[in-house]
Amino acid sequence: MANIVVTEADLGREVAARVGDAVVVQLPENPTTGFRWALASPQGDVLDLAHDEFQASAQTGVGAGGLRVFRFGAKSTGSGRIELKLARAWESGPPKAAFSVDVKVG
């Protein structure tokens, strides 16, 4: 079982995985601004969100950013899409940024 790491550079791309693999999405985030990455749409039958955490950067000063890490498990064959949005939970309207990647599980 492999870890398939996806970053900002993979925006809009398709990645291939096998059942049992983990698709790990790493996106820059600074939670002190209020903007946080979150799922933009529910997951289907192909991928399952297993873990969501913030990892602070080596610069641990006040207000330092880091990475939001989402770990999705490939649980069945087929195609799925990971859609995330960067927004403040208390604000309505369009997100500050959006990220998506298609995952084909074989």
PDB file of N, CA and C in Angstrom:
ATOM      1  N   MET A   1       0.834  -1.183   0.000  1.00  0.00           N
ATOM      2  CA  MET A   1       0.000   0.000   0.000  1.00  0.00           C
ATOM      3  C   MET A   1       0.874   1.239   0.000  1.00  0.00           C
ATOM      4  N   ALA A   2       0.544   2.147  -0.891  1.00  0.00           N
ATOM      5  CA  ALA A   2       1.383   3.322  -1.097  1.00  0.00           C
ATOM      6  C   ALA A   2       0.701   4.581  -0.571  1.00  0.00           C
ATOM      7  N   ASN A   3       1.532   5.579  -0.240  1.00  0.00           N
ATOM      8  CA  ASN A   3       1.059   6.928   0.062  1.00  0.00           C
ATOM      9  C   ASN A   3       1.284   7.767  -1.188  1.00  0.00           C
ATOM     10  N   ILE A   4       0.231   8.309  -1.737  1.00  0.00           N
ATOM     11  CA  ILE A   4       0.316   9.152  -2.926  1.00  0.00           C
ATOM     12  C   ILE A   4       0.135  10.589  -2.445  1.00  0.00           C
ATOM     13  N   VAL A   5       1.219  11.362  -2.484  1.00  0.00           N
ATOM     14  CA  VAL A   5       1.197  12.734  -1.966  1.00  0.00           C
ATOM     15  C   VAL A   5       0.785  13.691  -3.080  1.00  0.00           C
ATOM     16  N   VAL A   6      -0.198  14.530  -2.761  1.00  0.00           N
ATOM     17  CA  VAL A   6      -0.748  15.502  -3.704  1.00  0.00           C
ATOM     18  C   VAL A   6      -0.552  16.888  -3.085  1.00  0.00           C
ATOM     19  N   THR A   7      -0.073  17.850  -3.900  1.00  0.00           N
ATOM     20  CA  THR A   7       0.164  19.210  -3.427  1.00  0.00           C
ATOM     21  C   THR A   7      -0.532  20.216  -4.348  1.00  0.00           C
ATOM     22  N   GLU A   8      -0.334  21.496  -4.074  1.00  0.00           N
ATOM     23  CA  GLU A   8      -0.906  22.562  -4.911  1.00  0.00           C
ATOM     24  C   GLU A   8      -0.573  22.375  -6.390  1.00  0.00           C
ATOM     25  N   ALA A   9       0.596  21.838  -6.677  1.00  0.00           N
ATOM     26  CA  ALA A   9       1.040  21.640  -8.064  1.00  0.00           C
ATOM     27  C   ALA A   9       0.153  20.659  -8.816  1.00  0.00           C
ATOM     28  N   ASP A  10      -0.619  19.851  -8.095  1.00  0.00           N
ATOM     29  CA  ASP A  10      -1.468  18.841  -8.717  1.00  0.00           C
ATOM     30  C   ASP A  10      -2.898  19.321  -8.960  1.00  0.00           C
ATOM     31  N   LEU A  11      -3.163  20.593  -8.740  1.00  0.00           N
ATOM     32  CA  LEU A  11      -4.495  21.160  -8.929  1.00  0.00           C
ATOM     33  C   LEU A  11      -5.059  20.771 -10.293  1.00  0.00           C
ATOM     34  N   GLY A  12      -6.253  20.160 -10.296  1.00  0.00           N
ATOM     35  CA  GLY A  12      -6.935  19.805 -11.529  1.00  0.00           C
ATOM     36  C   GLY A  12      -6.428  18.549 -12.219  1.00  0.00           C
ATOM     37  N   ARG A  13      -5.443  17.899 -11.669  1.00  0.00           N
ATOM     38  CA  ARG A  13      -4.881  16.697 -12.303  1.00  0.00           C
ATOM     39  C   ARG A  13      -5.637  15.447 -11.881  1.00  0.00           C
ATOM     40  N   GLU A  14      -5.286  14.342 -12.537  1.00  0.00           N
ATOM     41  CA  GLU A  14      -5.802  13.034 -12.159  1.00  0.00           C
ATOM     42  C   GLU A  14      -4.643  12.201 -11.636  1.00  0.00           C
ATOM     43  N   VAL A  15      -4.859  11.539 -10.512  1.00  0.00           N
ATOM     44  CA  VAL A  15      -3.844  10.661  -9.954  1.00  0.00           C
ATOM     45  C   VAL A  15      -4.404   9.245  -9.927  1.00  0.00           C
ATOM     46  N   ALA A  16      -3.509   8.283 -10.047  1.00  0.00           N
ATOM     47  CA  ALA A  16      -3.902   6.872 -10.036  1.00  0.00           C
ATOM     48  C   ALA A  16      -3.547   6.257  -8.690  1.00  0.00           C
ATOM     49  N   ALA A  17      -4.427   5.405  -8.200  1.00  0.00           N
ATOM     50  CA  ALA A  17      -4.212   4.712  -6.932  1.00  0.00           C
ATOM     51  C   ALA A  17      -4.776   3.306  -7.044  1.00  0.00           C
ATOM     52  N   ARG A  18      -4.438   2.491  -6.058  1.00  0.00           N
ATOM     53  CA  ARG A  18      -5.003   1.150  -5.952  1.00  0.00           C
ATOM     54  C   ARG A  18      -5.792   1.053  -4.650  1.00  0.00           C
ATOM     55  N   VAL A  19      -6.707   0.103  -4.598  1.00  0.00           N
ATOM     56  CA  VAL A  19      -7.465  -0.104  -3.365  1.00  0.00           C
ATOM     57  C   VAL A  19      -6.471  -0.364  -2.230  1.00  0.00           C
ATOM     58  N   GLY A  20      -6.655   0.348  -1.137  1.00  0.00           N
ATOM     59  CA  GLY A  20      -5.760   0.237   0.015  1.00  0.00           C
ATOM     60  C   GLY A  20      -4.724   1.341   0.085  1.00  0.00           C
ATOM     61  N   ASP A  21      -4.475   2.032  -1.027  1.00  0.00           N
ATOM     62  CA  ASP A  21      -3.535   3.152  -1.023  1.00  0.00           C
ATOM     63  C   ASP A  21      -4.131   4.331  -0.264  1.00  0.00           C
ATOM     64  N   ALA A  22      -3.256   5.248   0.134  1.00  0.00           N
ATOM     65  CA  ALA A  22      -3.687   6.491   0.774  1.00  0.00           C
ATOM     66  C   ALA A  22      -3.321   7.657  -0.145  1.00  0.00           C
ATOM     67  N   VAL A  23      -4.272   8.542  -0.366  1.00  0.00           N
ATOM     68  CA  VAL A  23      -4.023   9.777  -1.102  1.00  0.00           C
ATOM     69  C   VAL A  23      -3.897  10.871  -0.044  1.00  0.00           C
ATOM     70  N   VAL A  24      -2.709  11.463   0.047  1.00  0.00           N
ATOM     71  CA  VAL A  24      -2.410  12.452   1.085  1.00  0.00           C
ATOM     72  C   VAL A  24      -2.314  13.833   0.433  1.00  0.00           C
ATOM     73  N   VAL A  25      -3.254  14.696   0.763  1.00  0.00           N
ATOM     74  CA  VAL A  25      -3.290  16.054   0.203  1.00  0.00           C
ATOM     75  C   VAL A  25      -2.655  16.996   1.216  1.00  0.00           C
ATOM     76  N   GLN A  26      -1.630  17.750   0.765  1.00  0.00           N
ATOM     77  CA  GLN A  26      -0.923  18.699   1.617  1.00  0.00           C
ATOM     78  C   GLN A  26      -1.041  20.092   1.008  1.00  0.00           C
ATOM     79  N   LEU A  27      -1.711  20.986   1.725  1.00  0.00           N
ATOM     80  CA  LEU A  27      -1.918  22.349   1.230  1.00  0.00           C
ATOM     81  C   LEU A  27      -1.480  23.361   2.283  1.00  0.00           C
ATOM     82  N   PRO A  28      -0.846  24.464   1.849  1.00  0.00           N
ATOM     83  CA  PRO A  28      -0.416  25.480   2.811  1.00  0.00           C
ATOM     84  C   PRO A  28      -1.617  26.156   3.472  1.00  0.00           C
ATOM     85  N   GLU A  29      -1.464  26.409   4.768  1.00  0.00           N
ATOM     86  CA  GLU A  29      -2.547  27.022   5.530  1.00  0.00           C
ATOM     87  C   GLU A  29      -1.957  27.810   6.690  1.00  0.00           C
ATOM     88  N   ASN A  30      -2.612  28.904   7.023  1.00  0.00           N
ATOM     89  CA  ASN A  30      -2.250  29.670   8.214  1.00  0.00           C
ATOM     90  C   ASN A  30      -3.528  29.880   9.015  1.00  0.00           C
ATOM     91  N   PRO A  31      -3.830  28.976   9.952  1.00  0.00           N
ATOM     92  CA  PRO A  31      -5.098  29.043  10.664  1.00  0.00           C
ATOM     93  C   PRO A  31      -5.292  30.315  11.478  1.00  0.00           C
ATOM     94  N   THR A  32      -4.229  31.037  11.800  1.00  0.00           N
ATOM     95  CA  THR A  32      -4.389  32.264  12.590  1.00  0.00           C
ATOM     96  C   THR A  32      -5.140  33.341  11.810  1.00  0.00           C
ATOM     97  N   THR A  33      -5.228  33.202  10.489  1.00  0.00           N
ATOM     98  CA  THR A  33      -5.977  34.150   9.662  1.00  0.00           C
ATOM     99  C   THR A  33      -7.465  33.827   9.642  1.00  0.00           C
ATOM    100  N   GLY A  34      -7.816  32.641  10.128  1.00  0.00           N
ATOM    101  CA  GLY A  34      -9.205  32.192  10.072  1.00  0.00           C
ATOM    102  C   GLY A  34      -9.505  31.363   8.849  1.00  0.00           C
ATOM    103  N   PHE A  35      -8.644  31.444   7.833  1.00  0.00           N
ATOM    104  CA  PHE A  35      -8.853  30.657   6.619  1.00  0.00           C
ATOM    105  C   PHE A  35      -8.339  29.238   6.828  1.00  0.00           C
ATOM    106  N   ARG A  36      -9.232  28.266   6.605  1.00  0.00           N
ATOM    107  CA  ARG A  36      -8.860  26.860   6.767  1.00  0.00           C
ATOM    108  C   ARG A  36      -9.400  26.053   5.597  1.00  0.00           C
ATOM    109  N   TRP A  37      -8.621  25.037   5.224  1.00  0.00           N
ATOM    110  CA  TRP A  37      -9.054  24.118   4.174  1.00  0.00           C
ATOM    111  C   TRP A  37     -10.088  23.161   4.756  1.00  0.00           C
ATOM    112  N   ALA A  38     -11.151  22.906   3.998  1.00  0.00           N
ATOM    113  CA  ALA A  38     -12.206  21.983   4.420  1.00  0.00           C
ATOM    114  C   ALA A  38     -12.776  21.300   3.182  1.00  0.00           C
ATOM    115  N   LEU A  39     -13.435  20.174   3.392  1.00  0.00           N
ATOM    116  CA  LEU A  39     -14.085  19.478   2.287  1.00  0.00           C
ATOM    117  C   LEU A  39     -15.172  20.360   1.694  1.00  0.00           C
ATOM    118  N   ALA A  40     -15.191  20.452   0.377  1.00  0.00           N
ATOM    119  CA  ALA A  40     -16.189  21.269  -0.301  1.00  0.00           C
ATOM    120  C   ALA A  40     -17.403  20.438  -0.706  1.00  0.00           C
ATOM    121  N   SER A  41     -17.226  19.119  -0.789  1.00  0.00           N
ATOM    122  CA  SER A  41     -18.332  18.250  -1.172  1.00  0.00           C
ATOM    123  C   SER A  41     -18.176  16.908  -0.460  1.00  0.00           C
ATOM    124  N   PRO A  42     -19.282  16.206  -0.252  1.00  0.00           N
ATOM    125  CA  PRO A  42     -19.193  14.913   0.420  1.00  0.00           C
ATOM    126  C   PRO A  42     -18.431  13.897  -0.432  1.00  0.00           C
ATOM    127  N   GLN A  43     -17.842  12.934   0.241  1.00  0.00           N
ATOM    128  CA  GLN A  43     -17.090  11.898  -0.448  1.00  0.00           C
ATOM    129  C   GLN A  43     -18.040  10.821  -0.969  1.00  0.00           C
ATOM    130  N   GLY A  44     -17.638  10.180  -2.061  1.00  0.00           N
ATOM    131  CA  GLY A  44     -18.436   9.103  -2.644  1.00  0.00           C
ATOM    132  C   GLY A  44     -18.022   7.754  -2.082  1.00  0.00           C
ATOM    133  N   ASP A  45     -18.225   6.728  -2.871  1.00  0.00           N
ATOM    134  CA  ASP A  45     -17.941   5.364  -2.445  1.00  0.00           C
ATOM    135  C   ASP A  45     -16.494   4.947  -2.668  1.00  0.00           C
ATOM    136  N   VAL A  46     -15.720   5.733  -3.406  1.00  0.00           N
ATOM    137  CA  VAL A  46     -14.356   5.341  -3.784  1.00  0.00           C
ATOM    138  C   VAL A  46     -13.326   5.768  -2.746  1.00  0.00           C
ATOM    139  N   LEU A  47     -13.471   6.978  -2.207  1.00  0.00           N
ATOM    140  CA  LEU A  47     -12.510   7.528  -1.248  1.00  0.00           C
ATOM    141  C   LEU A  47     -13.170   7.775   0.096  1.00  0.00           C
ATOM    142  N   ASP A  48     -12.379   7.655   1.145  1.00  0.00           N
ATOM    143  CA  ASP A  48     -12.882   7.855   2.490  1.00  0.00           C
ATOM    144  C   ASP A  48     -11.889   8.734   3.252  1.00  0.00           C
ATOM    145  N   LEU A  49     -12.361   9.850   3.818  1.00  0.00           N
ATOM    146  CA  LEU A  49     -11.482  10.716   4.605  1.00  0.00           C
ATOM    147  C   LEU A  49     -11.117   9.998   5.896  1.00  0.00           C
ATOM    148  N   ALA A  50      -9.838   9.695   6.056  1.00  0.00           N
ATOM    149  CA  ALA A  50      -9.371   8.957   7.227  1.00  0.00           C
ATOM    150  C   ALA A  50      -8.787   9.887   8.287  1.00  0.00           C
ATOM    151  N   HIS A  51      -8.215  11.026   7.850  1.00  0.00           N
ATOM    152  CA  HIS A  51      -7.509  11.878   8.799  1.00  0.00           C
ATOM    153  C   HIS A  51      -7.411  13.294   8.247  1.00  0.00           C
ATOM    154  N   ASP A  52      -7.494  14.269   9.140  1.00  0.00           N
ATOM    155  CA  ASP A  52      -7.379  15.687   8.782  1.00  0.00           C
ATOM    156  C   ASP A  52      -6.640  16.365   9.925  1.00  0.00           C
ATOM    157  N   GLU A  53      -5.464  16.965   9.626  1.00  0.00           N
ATOM    158  CA  GLU A  53      -4.700  17.622  10.687  1.00  0.00           C
ATOM    159  C   GLU A  53      -3.905  18.801  10.146  1.00  0.00           C
ATOM    160  N   PHE A  54      -3.534  19.693  11.054  1.00  0.00           N
ATOM    161  CA  PHE A  54      -2.654  20.803  10.723  1.00  0.00           C
ATOM    162  C   PHE A  54      -1.266  20.484  11.248  1.00  0.00           C
ATOM    163  N   GLN A  55      -0.266  20.659  10.396  1.00  0.00           N
ATOM    164  CA  GLN A  55       1.128  20.443  10.793  1.00  0.00           C
ATOM    165  C   GLN A  55       1.843  21.787  10.728  1.00  0.00           C
ATOM    166  N   ALA A  56       2.267  22.285  11.880  1.00  0.00           N
ATOM    167  CA  ALA A  56       2.967  23.572  11.945  1.00  0.00           C
ATOM    168  C   ALA A  56       4.318  23.462  11.250  1.00  0.00           C
ATOM    169  N   SER A  57       4.757  24.568  10.664  1.00  0.00           N
ATOM    170  CA  SER A  57       6.060  24.586  10.005  1.00  0.00           C
ATOM    171  C   SER A  57       7.170  24.625  11.058  1.00  0.00           C
ATOM    172  N   ALA A  58       8.390  24.494  10.603  1.00  0.00           N
ATOM    173  CA  ALA A  58       9.539  24.536  11.508  1.00  0.00           C
ATOM    174  C   ALA A  58       9.626  25.885  12.218  1.00  0.00           C
ATOM    175  N   GLN A  59       9.103  26.938  11.579  1.00  0.00           N
ATOM    176  CA  GLN A  59       9.063  28.261  12.202  1.00  0.00           C
ATOM    177  C   GLN A  59       7.867  28.279  13.131  1.00  0.00           C
ATOM    178  N   THR A  60       8.092  28.004  14.398  1.00  0.00           N
ATOM    179  CA  THR A  60       6.980  27.870  15.334  1.00  0.00           C
ATOM    180  C   THR A  60       6.618  29.170  16.015  1.00  0.00           C
ATOM    181  N   GLY A  61       6.997  30.294  15.417  1.00  0.00           N
ATOM    182  CA  GLY A  61       6.657  31.593  16.000  1.00  0.00           C
ATOM    183  C   GLY A  61       5.167  31.857  15.929  1.00  0.00           C
ATOM    184  N   VAL A  62       4.728  32.850  16.678  1.00  0.00           N
ATOM    185  CA  VAL A  62       3.318  33.213  16.700  1.00  0.00           C
ATOM    186  C   VAL A  62       2.870  33.598  15.295  1.00  0.00           C
ATOM    187  N   GLY A  63       1.778  33.030  14.852  1.00  0.00           N
ATOM    188  CA  GLY A  63       1.222  33.346  13.548  1.00  0.00           C
ATOM    189  C   GLY A  63       1.835  32.598  12.387  1.00  0.00           C
ATOM    190  N   ALA A  64       2.759  31.698  12.664  1.00  0.00           N
ATOM    191  CA  ALA A  64       3.395  30.936  11.579  1.00  0.00           C
ATOM    192  C   ALA A  64       2.396  29.972  10.947  1.00  0.00           C
ATOM    193  N   GLY A  65       2.544  29.757   9.671  1.00  0.00           N
ATOM    194  CA  GLY A  65       1.674  28.842   8.953  1.00  0.00           C
ATOM    195  C   GLY A  65       2.237  27.430   8.950  1.00  0.00           C
ATOM    196  N   GLY A  66       1.679  26.616   8.108  1.00  0.00           N
ATOM    197  CA  GLY A  66       2.112  25.234   7.987  1.00  0.00           C
ATOM    198  C   GLY A  66       1.338  24.543   6.888  1.00  0.00           C
ATOM    199  N   LEU A  67       1.045  23.283   7.091  1.00  0.00           N
ATOM    200  CA  LEU A  67       0.331  22.494   6.093  1.00  0.00           C
ATOM    201  C   LEU A  67      -0.925  21.885   6.700  1.00  0.00           C
ATOM    202  N   ARG A  68      -2.024  21.945   5.936  1.00  0.00           N
ATOM    203  CA  ARG A  68      -3.219  21.176   6.269  1.00  0.00           C
ATOM    204  C   ARG A  68      -3.058  19.852   5.516  1.00  0.00           C
ATOM    205  N   VAL A  69      -3.159  18.750   6.213  1.00  0.00           N
ATOM    206  CA  VAL A  69      -2.946  17.429   5.623  1.00  0.00           C
ATOM    207  C   VAL A  69      -4.229  16.605   5.741  1.00  0.00           C
ATOM    208  N   PHE A  70      -4.742  16.220   4.588  1.00  0.00           N
ATOM    209  CA  PHE A  70      -5.910  15.340   4.515  1.00  0.00           C
ATOM    210  C   PHE A  70      -5.422  13.985   4.022  1.00  0.00           C
ATOM    211  N   ARG A  71      -5.856  12.924   4.674  1.00  0.00           N
ATOM    212  CA  ARG A  71      -5.489  11.563   4.269  1.00  0.00           C
ATOM    213  C   ARG A  71      -6.769  10.822   3.884  1.00  0.00           C
ATOM    214  N   PHE A  72      -6.845  10.447   2.610  1.00  0.00           N
ATOM    215  CA  PHE A  72      -8.000   9.726   2.090  1.00  0.00           C
ATOM    216  C   PHE A  72      -7.597   8.285   1.791  1.00  0.00           C
ATOM    217  N   GLY A  73      -8.428   7.345   2.178  1.00  0.00           N
ATOM    218  CA  GLY A  73      -8.194   5.943   1.864  1.00  0.00           C
ATOM    219  C   GLY A  73      -8.950   5.560   0.606  1.00  0.00           C
ATOM    220  N   ALA A  74      -8.261   4.863  -0.304  1.00  0.00           N
ATOM    221  CA  ALA A  74      -8.908   4.346  -1.511  1.00  0.00           C
ATOM    222  C   ALA A  74      -9.572   3.027  -1.132  1.00  0.00           C
ATOM    223  N   LYS A  75     -10.909   3.036  -1.051  1.00  0.00           N
ATOM    224  CA  LYS A  75     -11.592   1.859  -0.509  1.00  0.00           C
ATOM    225  C   LYS A  75     -12.252   0.967  -1.556  1.00  0.00           C
ATOM    226  N   SER A  76     -12.431   1.453  -2.783  1.00  0.00           N
ATOM    227  CA  SER A  76     -12.992   0.607  -3.837  1.00  0.00           C
ATOM    228  C   SER A  76     -12.578   1.138  -5.204  1.00  0.00           C
ATOM    229  N   THR A  77     -12.677   0.302  -6.209  1.00  0.00           N
ATOM    230  CA  THR A  77     -12.297   0.715  -7.565  1.00  0.00           C
ATOM    231  C   THR A  77     -13.315   1.710  -8.106  1.00  0.00           C
ATOM    232  N   GLY A  78     -12.833   2.563  -8.995  1.00  0.00           N
ATOM    233  CA  GLY A  78     -13.689   3.568  -9.609  1.00  0.00           C
ATOM    234  C   GLY A  78     -12.992   4.913  -9.625  1.00  0.00           C
ATOM    235  N   SER A  79     -13.767   5.949  -9.849  1.00  0.00           N
ATOM    236  CA  SER A  79     -13.233   7.308  -9.892  1.00  0.00           C
ATOM    237  C   SER A  79     -13.886   8.160  -8.817  1.00  0.00           C
ATOM    238  N   GLY A  80     -13.077   9.022  -8.229  1.00  0.00           N
ATOM    239  CA  GLY A  80     -13.578   9.939  -7.214  1.00  0.00           C
ATOM    240  C   GLY A  80     -12.897  11.294  -7.359  1.00  0.00           C
ATOM    241  N   ARG A  81     -13.466  12.277  -6.747  1.00  0.00           N
ATOM    242  CA  ARG A  81     -12.895  13.617  -6.798  1.00  0.00           C
ATOM    243  C   ARG A  81     -12.763  14.151  -5.375  1.00  0.00           C
ATOM    244  N   ILE A  82     -11.601  14.721  -5.109  1.00  0.00           N
ATOM    245  CA  ILE A  82     -11.379  15.404  -3.839  1.00  0.00           C
ATOM    246  C   ILE A  82     -11.531  16.892  -4.121  1.00  0.00           C
ATOM    247  N   GLU A  83     -12.484  17.521  -3.448  1.00  0.00           N
ATOM    248  CA  GLU A  83     -12.720  18.952  -3.607  1.00  0.00           C
ATOM    249  C   GLU A  83     -12.607  19.620  -2.246  1.00  0.00           C
ATOM    250  N   LEU A  84     -11.727  20.615  -2.178  1.00  0.00           N
ATOM    251  CA  LEU A  84     -11.493  21.336  -0.934  1.00  0.00           C
ATOM    252  C   LEU A  84     -11.668  22.832  -1.175  1.00  0.00           C
ATOM    253  N   LYS A  85     -12.010  23.549  -0.103  1.00  0.00           N
ATOM    254  CA  LYS A  85     -12.134  25.008  -0.216  1.00  0.00           C
ATOM    255  C   LYS A  85     -11.408  25.652   0.960  1.00  0.00           C
ATOM    256  N   LEU A  86     -10.823  26.808   0.690  1.00  0.00           N
ATOM    257  CA  LEU A  86     -10.146  27.599   1.710  1.00  0.00           C
ATOM    258  C   LEU A  86     -11.057  28.766   2.049  1.00  0.00           C
ATOM    259  N   ALA A  87     -11.606  28.738   3.262  1.00  0.00           N
ATOM    260  CA  ALA A  87     -12.572  29.772   3.639  1.00  0.00           C
ATOM    261  C   ALA A  87     -12.595  29.936   5.152  1.00  0.00           C
ATOM    262  N   ARG A  88     -13.237  31.012   5.574  1.00  0.00           N
ATOM    263  CA  ARG A  88     -13.514  31.223   6.999  1.00  0.00           C
ATOM    264  C   ARG A  88     -14.901  30.653   7.277  1.00  0.00           C
ATOM    265  N   ALA A  89     -15.012  29.857   8.315  1.00  0.00           N
ATOM    266  CA  ALA A  89     -16.266  29.161   8.616  1.00  0.00           C
ATOM    267  C   ALA A  89     -17.430  30.121   8.854  1.00  0.00           C
ATOM    268  N   TRP A  90     -17.155  31.300   9.365  1.00  0.00           N
ATOM    269  CA  TRP A  90     -18.221  32.232   9.715  1.00  0.00           C
ATOM    270  C   TRP A  90     -18.617  33.162   8.573  1.00  0.00           C
ATOM    271  N   GLU A  91     -17.923  33.082   7.431  1.00  0.00           N
ATOM    272  CA  GLU A  91     -18.250  33.950   6.296  1.00  0.00           C
ATOM    273  C   GLU A  91     -19.010  33.182   5.225  1.00  0.00           C
ATOM    274  N   SER A  92     -19.954  33.861   4.606  1.00  0.00           N
ATOM    275  CA  SER A  92     -20.654  33.266   3.471  1.00  0.00           C
ATOM    276  C   SER A  92     -20.033  33.809   2.191  1.00  0.00           C
ATOM    277  N   GLY A  93     -20.443  33.268   1.085  1.00  0.00           N
ATOM    278  CA  GLY A  93     -19.897  33.705  -0.189  1.00  0.00           C
ATOM    279  C   GLY A  93     -18.846  32.736  -0.697  1.00  0.00           C
ATOM    280  N   PRO A  94     -18.224  33.098  -1.801  1.00  0.00           N
ATOM    281  CA  PRO A  94     -17.251  32.187  -2.405  1.00  0.00           C
ATOM    282  C   PRO A  94     -16.000  32.038  -1.535  1.00  0.00           C
ATOM    283  N   PRO A  95     -15.350  30.873  -1.612  1.00  0.00           N
ATOM    284  CA  PRO A  95     -14.121  30.669  -0.838  1.00  0.00           C
ATOM    285  C   PRO A  95     -12.976  31.512  -1.382  1.00  0.00           C
ATOM    286  N   LYS A  96     -11.954  31.696  -0.560  1.00  0.00           N
ATOM    287  CA  LYS A  96     -10.764  32.431  -0.980  1.00  0.00           C
ATOM    288  C   LYS A  96     -10.008  31.646  -2.058  1.00  0.00           C
ATOM    289  N   ALA A  97     -10.021  30.313  -1.948  1.00  0.00           N
ATOM    290  CA  ALA A  97      -9.357  29.450  -2.918  1.00  0.00           C
ATOM    291  C   ALA A  97     -10.060  28.106  -2.950  1.00  0.00           C
ATOM    292  N   ALA A  98      -9.827  27.360  -4.014  1.00  0.00           N
ATOM    293  CA  ALA A  98     -10.401  26.025  -4.146  1.00  0.00           C
ATOM    294  C   ALA A  98      -9.334  25.092  -4.707  1.00  0.00           C
ATOM    295  N   PHE A  99      -9.474  23.822  -4.378  1.00  0.00           N
ATOM    296  CA  PHE A  99      -8.524  22.801  -4.846  1.00  0.00           C
ATOM    297  C   PHE A  99      -9.316  21.551  -5.182  1.00  0.00           C
ATOM    298  N   SER A 100      -8.978  20.936  -6.298  1.00  0.00           N
ATOM    299  CA  SER A 100      -9.604  19.644  -6.631  1.00  0.00           C
ATOM    300  C   SER A 100      -8.604  18.773  -7.374  1.00  0.00           C
ATOM    301  N   VAL A 101      -8.771  17.492  -7.192  1.00  0.00           N
ATOM    302  CA  VAL A 101      -7.967  16.501  -7.894  1.00  0.00           C
ATOM    303  C   VAL A 101      -8.851  15.277  -8.105  1.00  0.00           C
ATOM    304  N   ASP A 102      -8.748  14.673  -9.277  1.00  0.00           N
ATOM    305  CA  ASP A 102      -9.494  13.452  -9.568  1.00  0.00           C
ATOM    306  C   ASP A 102      -8.615  12.257  -9.239  1.00  0.00           C
ATOM    307  N   VAL A 103      -9.231  11.230  -8.664  1.00  0.00           N
ATOM    308  CA  VAL A 103      -8.492  10.032  -8.271  1.00  0.00           C
ATOM    309  C   VAL A 103      -9.141   8.838  -8.961  1.00  0.00           C
ATOM    310  N   LYS A 104      -8.333   8.093  -9.704  1.00  0.00           N
ATOM    311  CA  LYS A 104      -8.803   6.871 -10.356  1.00  0.00           C
ATOM    312  C   LYS A 104      -8.211   5.688  -9.608  1.00  0.00           C
ATOM    313  N   VAL A 105      -9.080   4.889  -9.014  1.00  0.00           N
ATOM    314  CA  VAL A 105      -8.656   3.737  -8.229  1.00  0.00           C
ATOM    315  C   VAL A 105      -8.870   2.477  -9.051  1.00  0.00           C
ATOM    316  N   GLY A 106      -7.794   1.737  -9.278  1.00  0.00           N
ATOM    317  CA  GLY A 106      -7.865   0.518 -10.088  1.00  0.00           C
ATOM    318  C   GLY A 106      -7.574  -0.717  -9.283  1.00  0.00           C
TER     319      GLY A 106
END
